[in-house]
Amino acid sequence: MGSSTILIVDDDSDVRRALTELLEDEGYAVAGAANGRAALEMIRGGIRPSIILLDLMMPGMNGWDFRSAQLRDPELSAVPVVVVTASGFNQDAIRTELGSIELVPKPIQPTKLLDIIERLTASPPASA
């Protein structure tokens, strides 16, 4: 399959399930992890996401620590991240900490999320 794989990293199984259904309905392959540590293990096990949807507040390894580990790994640092969080952080504060990310607040607006994912998965213009 030529679909893009999206990795959902969120400790809320209902959120993972709802996002999985939404994204699979749009033709994406989806993998899910309950925290940052599990996500890193999946990636080191061979999953190659084209986008990571990342919650910030999780037990185990939170989103902040996952993003820090991701940025230190040359093979992962270029994978786009969309922070999906209910916490009241503003986008500028999150970007100062996490670098170039997109932000989608919870409750998630599906149209906004899909627009961001479509933009991030669009192939860069190689040769038109």
Protein backbone atom coordinates (compact mmCIF):
# COMPACT_ATOMS: atom_id res chain seq x y z
CA MET A 1 0.00 0.00 0.00
CA GLY A 2 1.17 3.48 -0.75
CA SER A 3 -0.61 5.08 2.17
CA SER A 4 1.14 7.21 4.74
CA THR A 5 1.48 5.79 8.25
CA ILE A 6 0.45 8.05 11.07
CA LEU A 7 1.61 7.26 14.61
CA ILE A 8 -0.81 8.34 17.33
CA VAL A 9 0.89 8.77 20.72
CA ASP A 10 -1.79 9.33 23.37
CA ASP A 11 -2.49 7.64 26.70
CA ASP A 12 -6.28 7.91 26.21
CA SER A 13 -7.40 4.74 24.42
CA ASP A 14 -10.70 6.41 23.39
CA VAL A 15 -8.77 9.21 21.67
CA ARG A 16 -6.49 6.71 19.92
CA ARG A 17 -9.50 4.69 18.79
CA ALA A 18 -11.43 7.73 17.50
CA LEU A 19 -8.39 9.12 15.66
CA THR A 20 -7.62 5.69 14.20
CA GLU A 21 -11.15 5.40 12.80
CA LEU A 22 -11.05 8.93 11.38
CA LEU A 23 -7.66 8.46 9.73
CA GLU A 24 -8.31 4.95 8.41
CA ASP A 25 -11.54 6.23 6.83
CA GLU A 26 -9.33 8.74 5.00
CA GLY A 27 -7.03 5.96 3.73
CA TYR A 28 -4.13 6.32 6.14
CA ALA A 29 -2.36 3.44 7.84
CA VAL A 30 -2.37 4.06 11.60
CA ALA A 31 -0.33 2.82 14.55
CA GLY A 32 -0.94 3.75 18.17
CA ALA A 33 1.15 3.99 21.33
CA ALA A 34 0.05 4.79 24.89
CA ASN A 35 3.12 6.90 25.72
CA GLY A 36 6.38 8.20 24.32
CA ARG A 37 8.44 5.21 25.42
CA ALA A 38 6.09 2.78 23.64
CA ALA A 39 6.20 4.99 20.54
CA LEU A 40 10.01 4.98 20.48
CA GLU A 41 10.01 1.19 20.86
CA MET A 42 7.60 0.88 17.91
CA ILE A 43 9.76 3.16 15.77
CA ARG A 44 12.94 1.32 16.74
CA GLY A 45 11.06 -1.88 15.89
CA GLY A 46 10.56 -0.76 12.32
CA ILE A 47 7.48 1.46 12.09
CA ARG A 48 8.29 4.48 9.92
CA PRO A 49 5.62 7.12 10.46
CA SER A 50 5.18 9.96 8.02
CA ILE A 51 3.53 12.02 10.80
CA ILE A 52 3.34 11.72 14.57
CA LEU A 53 0.23 12.90 16.44
CA LEU A 54 1.56 13.59 19.94
CA ASP A 55 -0.22 14.22 23.23
CA LEU A 56 1.89 16.10 25.76
CA MET A 57 0.54 14.87 29.09
CA MET A 58 1.07 11.11 29.42
CA PRO A 59 2.42 8.77 32.10
CA GLY A 60 5.68 6.94 31.48
CA MET A 61 7.34 9.12 28.87
CA ASN A 62 5.37 12.29 28.17
CA GLY A 63 5.20 14.17 24.88
CA TRP A 64 7.86 16.68 25.88
CA ASP A 65 10.39 13.91 26.57
CA PHE A 66 9.41 11.99 23.42
CA ARG A 67 9.92 15.08 21.26
CA SER A 68 13.30 15.70 22.86
CA ALA A 69 14.36 12.11 22.07
CA GLN A 70 12.95 12.41 18.56
CA LEU A 71 14.93 15.57 17.82
CA ARG A 72 18.17 13.90 19.01
CA ASP A 73 17.67 10.97 16.60
CA PRO A 74 18.84 11.85 13.07
CA GLU A 75 16.51 9.27 11.53
CA LEU A 76 13.44 10.64 13.33
CA SER A 77 14.10 14.35 13.67
CA ALA A 78 12.56 15.22 10.31
CA VAL A 79 9.25 13.42 10.95
CA PRO A 80 6.56 16.10 11.30
CA VAL A 81 4.78 16.30 14.66
CA VAL A 82 1.25 17.49 15.33
CA VAL A 83 0.74 18.15 19.03
CA VAL A 84 -2.78 17.16 20.02
CA THR A 85 -3.37 18.30 23.58
CA ALA A 86 -6.02 19.47 25.99
CA SER A 87 -3.52 21.34 28.11
CA GLY A 88 -3.75 25.11 28.12
CA PHE A 89 -0.32 25.81 26.62
CA ASN A 90 -0.21 28.39 23.88
CA GLN A 91 1.27 27.53 20.51
CA ASP A 92 4.24 29.89 20.83
CA ALA A 93 5.24 28.40 24.20
CA ILE A 94 4.99 24.87 22.82
CA ARG A 95 7.04 25.74 19.73
CA THR A 96 9.71 27.37 21.89
CA GLU A 97 10.09 24.06 23.74
CA LEU A 98 9.39 21.55 20.95
CA GLY A 99 10.55 23.24 17.75
CA SER A 100 8.59 23.36 14.53
CA ILE A 101 5.31 21.60 15.24
CA GLU A 102 1.64 21.99 14.41
CA LEU A 103 -0.88 22.28 17.23
CA VAL A 104 -4.44 20.93 17.35
CA PRO A 105 -6.24 21.51 20.65
CA LYS A 106 -8.61 18.96 22.17
CA PRO A 107 -11.46 18.55 21.60
CA ILE A 108 -10.17 17.85 18.12
CA GLN A 109 -11.83 19.42 15.10
CA PRO A 110 -11.54 16.62 12.51
CA THR A 111 -11.52 18.97 9.51
CA LYS A 112 -8.65 21.03 10.94
CA LEU A 113 -6.63 17.92 11.79
CA LEU A 114 -7.19 16.36 8.36
CA ASP A 115 -6.20 19.62 6.63
CA ILE A 116 -2.91 19.70 8.57
CA ILE A 117 -2.20 16.02 7.88
CA GLU A 118 -2.94 16.44 4.18
CA ARG A 119 -0.59 19.41 3.99
CA LEU A 120 2.18 17.58 5.89
CA THR A 121 1.91 14.39 3.82
CA ALA A 122 1.81 16.17 0.48
CA SER A 123 4.89 15.26 -1.47
CA PRO A 124 7.36 18.08 -1.86
CA PRO A 125 7.51 19.24 -5.44
CA ALA A 126 10.23 17.06 -6.93
CA SER A 127 9.41 17.25 -10.60
CA ALA A 128 5.98 18.36 -11.71
